[in-house]
Protein backbone atom coordinates (compact mmCIF):
# COMPACT_ATOMS: atom_id res chain seq x y z
CA MET A 1 63.78 -51.89 -51.36
CA TYR A 2 62.33 -50.13 -48.35
CA TYR A 3 58.95 -48.50 -49.09
CA ARG A 4 55.96 -46.69 -47.65
CA GLU A 5 52.38 -47.42 -48.66
CA PHE A 6 49.24 -45.27 -48.55
CA GLY A 7 45.56 -45.84 -49.41
CA GLN A 8 44.05 -48.47 -51.66
CA GLY A 9 42.92 -48.82 -55.26
CA ASP A 10 44.77 -48.87 -58.57
CA PRO A 11 48.49 -48.47 -57.90
CA VAL A 12 50.60 -45.34 -58.23
CA VAL A 13 54.36 -45.57 -57.61
CA ILE A 14 56.39 -42.41 -56.83
CA LEU A 15 60.20 -42.34 -57.18
CA HIS A 16 62.22 -39.67 -55.35
CA GLY A 17 65.23 -37.75 -56.66
CA LEU A 18 68.93 -37.59 -55.77
CA PHE A 19 69.56 -37.14 -52.01
CA GLY A 20 65.87 -37.89 -51.39
CA PHE A 21 63.93 -40.80 -49.96
CA SER A 22 60.34 -41.98 -49.59
CA ASP A 23 59.46 -39.39 -46.92
CA ASN A 24 59.88 -36.50 -49.36
CA TRP A 25 56.65 -37.32 -51.21
CA GLN A 26 54.32 -38.03 -48.27
CA THR A 27 52.08 -35.00 -48.84
CA LEU A 28 51.45 -35.85 -52.49
CA ALA A 29 51.18 -39.56 -51.73
CA LYS A 30 48.50 -38.99 -49.10
CA GLY A 31 46.60 -36.74 -51.51
CA LEU A 32 46.60 -39.40 -54.24
CA ALA A 33 45.84 -42.13 -51.68
CA GLU A 34 42.24 -40.92 -51.48
CA GLN A 35 41.66 -42.90 -54.69
CA HIS A 36 44.78 -45.02 -55.20
CA LEU A 37 47.23 -47.38 -53.57
CA VAL A 38 50.35 -45.19 -53.49
CA ILE A 39 53.80 -46.76 -53.00
CA THR A 40 56.91 -44.65 -52.36
CA PRO A 41 60.09 -46.77 -52.33
CA ASP A 42 63.61 -45.72 -51.43
CA LEU A 43 65.83 -46.19 -54.49
CA ARG A 44 69.14 -48.01 -54.08
CA ASN A 45 71.80 -46.14 -52.09
CA HIS A 46 69.12 -43.89 -50.55
CA GLY A 47 67.11 -44.02 -47.34
CA ARG A 48 66.69 -47.50 -45.92
CA SER A 49 67.20 -49.39 -49.18
CA PRO A 50 70.36 -51.45 -49.79
CA HIS A 51 73.69 -49.69 -50.24
CA LEU A 52 75.27 -51.14 -53.39
CA PRO A 53 78.52 -50.45 -55.25
CA THR A 54 76.93 -49.17 -58.49
CA HIS A 55 74.14 -46.76 -59.41
CA SER A 56 72.93 -46.71 -63.03
CA TYR A 57 69.49 -46.25 -64.58
CA PRO A 58 69.29 -49.76 -66.08
CA GLU A 59 70.15 -51.18 -62.65
CA MET A 60 67.55 -49.05 -60.87
CA ALA A 61 64.93 -49.97 -63.49
CA GLU A 62 65.70 -53.63 -62.80
CA ASP A 63 65.45 -52.99 -59.03
CA LEU A 64 61.99 -51.53 -59.65
CA ARG A 65 60.88 -54.45 -61.84
CA LEU A 66 61.83 -56.96 -59.15
CA PHE A 67 60.17 -54.83 -56.46
CA LEU A 68 56.89 -54.49 -58.38
CA GLU A 69 56.71 -58.17 -59.24
CA GLU A 70 57.43 -59.08 -55.63
CA HIS A 71 54.47 -56.93 -54.58
CA TRP A 72 52.17 -58.23 -57.34
CA VAL A 73 52.02 -54.88 -59.12
CA PHE A 74 52.00 -55.62 -62.85
CA SER A 75 50.65 -52.29 -64.12
CA THR A 76 51.00 -48.91 -62.44
CA VAL A 77 50.92 -45.17 -62.90
CA LEU A 78 54.61 -44.35 -62.52
CA ILE A 79 55.74 -40.94 -61.21
CA GLY A 80 59.36 -39.86 -60.83
CA HIS A 81 61.12 -36.65 -59.86
CA SER A 82 64.58 -35.67 -61.11
CA MET A 83 66.80 -38.77 -60.82
CA GLY A 84 63.66 -40.76 -60.02
CA GLY A 85 62.12 -39.34 -63.19
CA LYS A 86 64.97 -40.81 -65.20
CA VAL A 87 64.47 -44.16 -63.48
CA ALA A 88 60.77 -43.94 -64.39
CA MET A 89 61.60 -43.13 -68.03
CA GLN A 90 64.13 -45.96 -68.26
CA PHE A 91 61.61 -48.37 -66.75
CA ALA A 92 58.81 -47.26 -69.10
CA LEU A 93 61.08 -47.72 -72.13
CA GLU A 94 62.16 -51.20 -71.00
CA HIS A 95 58.85 -52.43 -69.55
CA PRO A 96 56.00 -50.52 -71.24
CA ASP A 97 53.52 -53.27 -70.39
CA MET A 98 53.99 -52.51 -66.67
CA VAL A 99 53.30 -48.75 -66.94
CA SER A 100 49.81 -47.46 -67.69
CA GLN A 101 50.73 -43.78 -67.48
CA LEU A 102 54.06 -42.00 -66.95
CA ILE A 103 54.59 -38.72 -65.08
CA VAL A 104 58.04 -37.14 -65.02
CA VAL A 105 58.66 -34.15 -62.74
CA ASP A 106 61.33 -31.62 -63.75
CA ILE A 107 63.88 -33.69 -65.61
CA ALA A 108 64.57 -34.34 -69.29
CA PRO A 109 65.74 -37.70 -70.67
CA GLY A 110 69.04 -36.44 -72.09
CA GLN A 111 72.46 -35.88 -70.54
CA ALA A 112 71.94 -33.58 -67.53
CA GLU A 113 74.04 -30.59 -66.52
CA ASP A 114 76.20 -30.86 -63.42
CA LYS A 115 74.30 -28.97 -60.71
CA HIS A 116 75.36 -30.97 -57.66
CA SER A 117 79.17 -31.22 -57.51
CA ASP A 118 79.32 -28.34 -55.01
CA ILE A 119 76.71 -30.07 -52.84
CA PHE A 120 78.61 -33.37 -52.96
CA GLU A 121 81.84 -31.64 -51.96
CA ALA A 122 80.12 -29.86 -49.07
CA LEU A 123 78.56 -33.09 -47.77
CA LEU A 124 81.73 -35.13 -48.19
CA GLY A 125 83.63 -32.44 -46.27
CA LEU A 126 81.30 -32.83 -43.27
CA ASP A 127 82.98 -35.03 -40.65
CA LEU A 128 79.98 -36.70 -38.98
CA ARG A 129 82.22 -38.30 -36.34
CA ARG A 130 82.84 -34.88 -34.78
CA LEU A 131 79.24 -33.69 -34.80
CA GLN A 132 77.42 -33.14 -31.54
CA THR A 133 74.10 -31.79 -32.91
CA ARG A 134 72.23 -31.39 -36.20
CA GLN A 135 72.38 -27.63 -35.70
CA GLU A 136 76.16 -27.88 -35.78
CA ALA A 137 75.92 -29.72 -39.12
CA GLU A 138 73.66 -27.02 -40.55
CA GLY A 139 76.07 -24.33 -39.41
CA LEU A 140 79.00 -26.06 -41.09
CA LEU A 141 77.05 -26.47 -44.33
CA SER A 142 75.74 -22.91 -44.42
CA ALA A 143 78.99 -21.51 -45.81
CA ARG A 144 78.86 -23.89 -48.80
CA ILE A 145 75.07 -24.21 -49.24
CA PRO A 146 73.42 -20.83 -48.56
CA GLU A 147 69.82 -21.89 -49.37
CA VAL A 148 68.08 -22.80 -46.10
CA GLY A 149 65.54 -25.10 -47.76
CA VAL A 150 68.23 -27.06 -49.58
CA ARG A 151 70.26 -27.49 -46.37
CA GLN A 152 67.24 -28.73 -44.44
CA PHE A 153 66.38 -31.17 -47.23
CA LEU A 154 69.92 -32.55 -47.25
CA LEU A 155 70.15 -32.78 -43.46
CA LYS A 156 67.20 -35.19 -43.43
CA ASN A 157 69.76 -37.70 -44.68
CA ILE A 158 71.59 -37.66 -41.33
CA THR A 159 70.54 -40.31 -38.85
CA ARG A 160 71.62 -40.77 -35.23
CA HIS A 161 72.65 -44.12 -33.78
CA ALA A 162 71.78 -45.32 -30.30
CA ASP A 163 75.26 -44.36 -29.09
CA GLY A 164 74.66 -40.75 -30.16
CA SER A 165 76.90 -40.84 -33.25
CA PHE A 166 75.69 -39.54 -36.60
CA ALA A 167 75.75 -41.29 -40.00
CA TRP A 168 74.43 -40.76 -43.51
CA LYS A 169 71.27 -42.62 -44.51
CA MET A 170 72.42 -42.46 -48.14
CA ASN A 171 75.50 -44.13 -49.61
CA LEU A 172 77.26 -40.82 -50.20
CA PRO A 173 80.66 -42.15 -51.44
CA VAL A 174 79.04 -44.37 -54.09
CA LEU A 175 76.64 -41.65 -55.22
CA TRP A 176 79.62 -39.34 -55.75
CA LYS A 177 81.62 -42.04 -57.55
CA GLU A 178 78.62 -42.86 -59.74
CA TYR A 179 77.57 -39.24 -60.30
CA PRO A 180 78.42 -39.43 -64.06
CA GLN A 181 75.87 -42.27 -64.29
CA ILE A 182 73.25 -40.09 -62.58
CA LEU A 183 73.85 -37.34 -65.14
CA ALA A 184 73.65 -39.80 -68.04
CA ALA A 185 70.83 -39.95 -70.58
CA VAL A 186 68.21 -42.69 -70.52
CA GLY A 187 67.68 -44.95 -73.50
CA GLY A 188 67.13 -48.42 -74.83
CA GLY A 189 63.96 -50.24 -75.67
CA THR A 190 61.36 -48.76 -77.97
CA PRO A 191 59.45 -45.46 -77.62
CA PHE A 192 56.83 -45.51 -74.85
CA ASP A 193 53.63 -44.86 -76.79
CA LYS A 194 51.24 -44.40 -73.87
CA PRO A 195 50.10 -41.26 -72.02
CA ALA A 196 53.09 -39.37 -70.59
CA LEU A 197 53.12 -36.08 -68.70
CA PHE A 198 56.22 -33.95 -68.15
CA VAL A 199 55.90 -31.32 -65.42
CA ARG A 200 58.41 -28.50 -64.92
CA GLY A 201 58.71 -25.57 -62.54
CA SER A 202 58.65 -22.09 -64.09
CA ARG A 203 61.78 -21.18 -62.07
CA SER A 204 63.68 -24.32 -63.09
CA ASP A 205 65.76 -25.00 -66.18
CA TYR A 206 65.92 -28.79 -65.92
CA ILE A 207 63.44 -29.15 -68.81
CA LYS A 208 64.17 -26.59 -71.53
CA ASP A 209 61.95 -25.89 -74.53
CA ALA A 210 64.69 -27.34 -76.72
CA ASP A 211 64.42 -30.69 -74.88
CA PHE A 212 60.87 -31.36 -76.02
CA ALA A 213 61.79 -32.74 -79.45
CA PHE A 214 63.92 -35.44 -77.80
CA ILE A 215 61.19 -36.09 -75.24
CA LYS A 216 58.64 -36.63 -78.04
CA SER A 217 61.00 -39.01 -79.86
CA LEU A 218 60.99 -41.32 -76.83
CA PHE A 219 57.49 -40.55 -75.53
CA PRO A 220 55.30 -39.70 -78.55
CA GLN A 221 52.20 -38.94 -76.45
CA ALA A 222 54.07 -36.62 -74.08
CA GLU A 223 52.42 -33.45 -72.81
CA LEU A 224 54.26 -30.65 -71.03
CA VAL A 225 52.85 -28.62 -68.11
CA THR A 226 54.66 -25.71 -66.44
CA ILE A 227 53.77 -24.89 -62.83
CA GLU A 228 54.20 -21.24 -61.99
CA GLY A 229 56.14 -20.25 -58.91
CA ALA A 230 57.93 -23.59 -58.63
CA GLY A 231 61.62 -24.40 -58.84
CA HIS A 232 63.15 -27.83 -59.27
CA TRP A 233 61.49 -29.19 -56.11
CA VAL A 234 58.00 -28.68 -57.53
CA HIS A 235 56.39 -30.90 -54.89
CA ALA A 236 57.80 -28.70 -52.12
CA ASP A 237 57.15 -25.33 -53.80
CA GLN A 238 53.62 -25.89 -55.17
CA PRO A 239 52.25 -29.15 -53.71
CA ALA A 240 48.55 -28.32 -54.12
CA GLU A 241 48.90 -27.35 -57.78
CA LEU A 242 51.07 -30.37 -58.52
CA LEU A 243 48.50 -32.65 -56.90
CA ARG A 244 45.77 -31.07 -59.04
CA VAL A 245 47.83 -31.67 -62.20
CA PHE A 246 48.49 -35.29 -61.19
CA ARG A 247 44.80 -35.98 -60.49
CA GLN A 248 43.66 -34.39 -63.73
CA PHE A 249 46.12 -36.41 -65.81
CA ILE A 250 45.51 -39.74 -64.05
CA THR A 251 41.75 -39.32 -64.26
């Protein structure tokens, strides 16, 4: 797994969400790096990590176990957003001895609602072979994805080769094929009975009040914090407040 590393001290590992990669969490990582070693890997089929034919939470939890052991990290604060939050939950349930504290940002452990099929279809309909500029790609996506911030986030996944041609950094066909696995609930192992923090944005519905009973069944020590003025991308909407919440919980 490709990764970025910041600071030094007790380790904190941050896992990005669907369509993301390690770059997305640099601001928060640098803030936490004042007191911690912060590691932000690219999950499989994203960024510079290997493109593989499958994409399930047990597989990504195993990827993370191998990665941490390879880097001599045997206990960490584990943070995950959205899809990365489900990887973090799966990992904590399977390997509780390797997680000192768990932080999940704006995702519940159960079966998720389909909120990305339209985005997948828009991206799959973009013929990168015909692109001349990134601006052209943004223009083509604007009809299907009206939110400017979402388009700019997605377009970070386009890379340019030395010959001028464009390509996806992520393994888009496999992510689409495996999308039912990304929506799936986490499970297995025994409840994670260590400190766990669930953070949601006030303008997001990814963690509903009704989800908290299921959260507590898997994570008995779970706390829930709502950050005002934030949508699903809490780290982009309210980075300073999210950093404050992280620091308070970890301390």
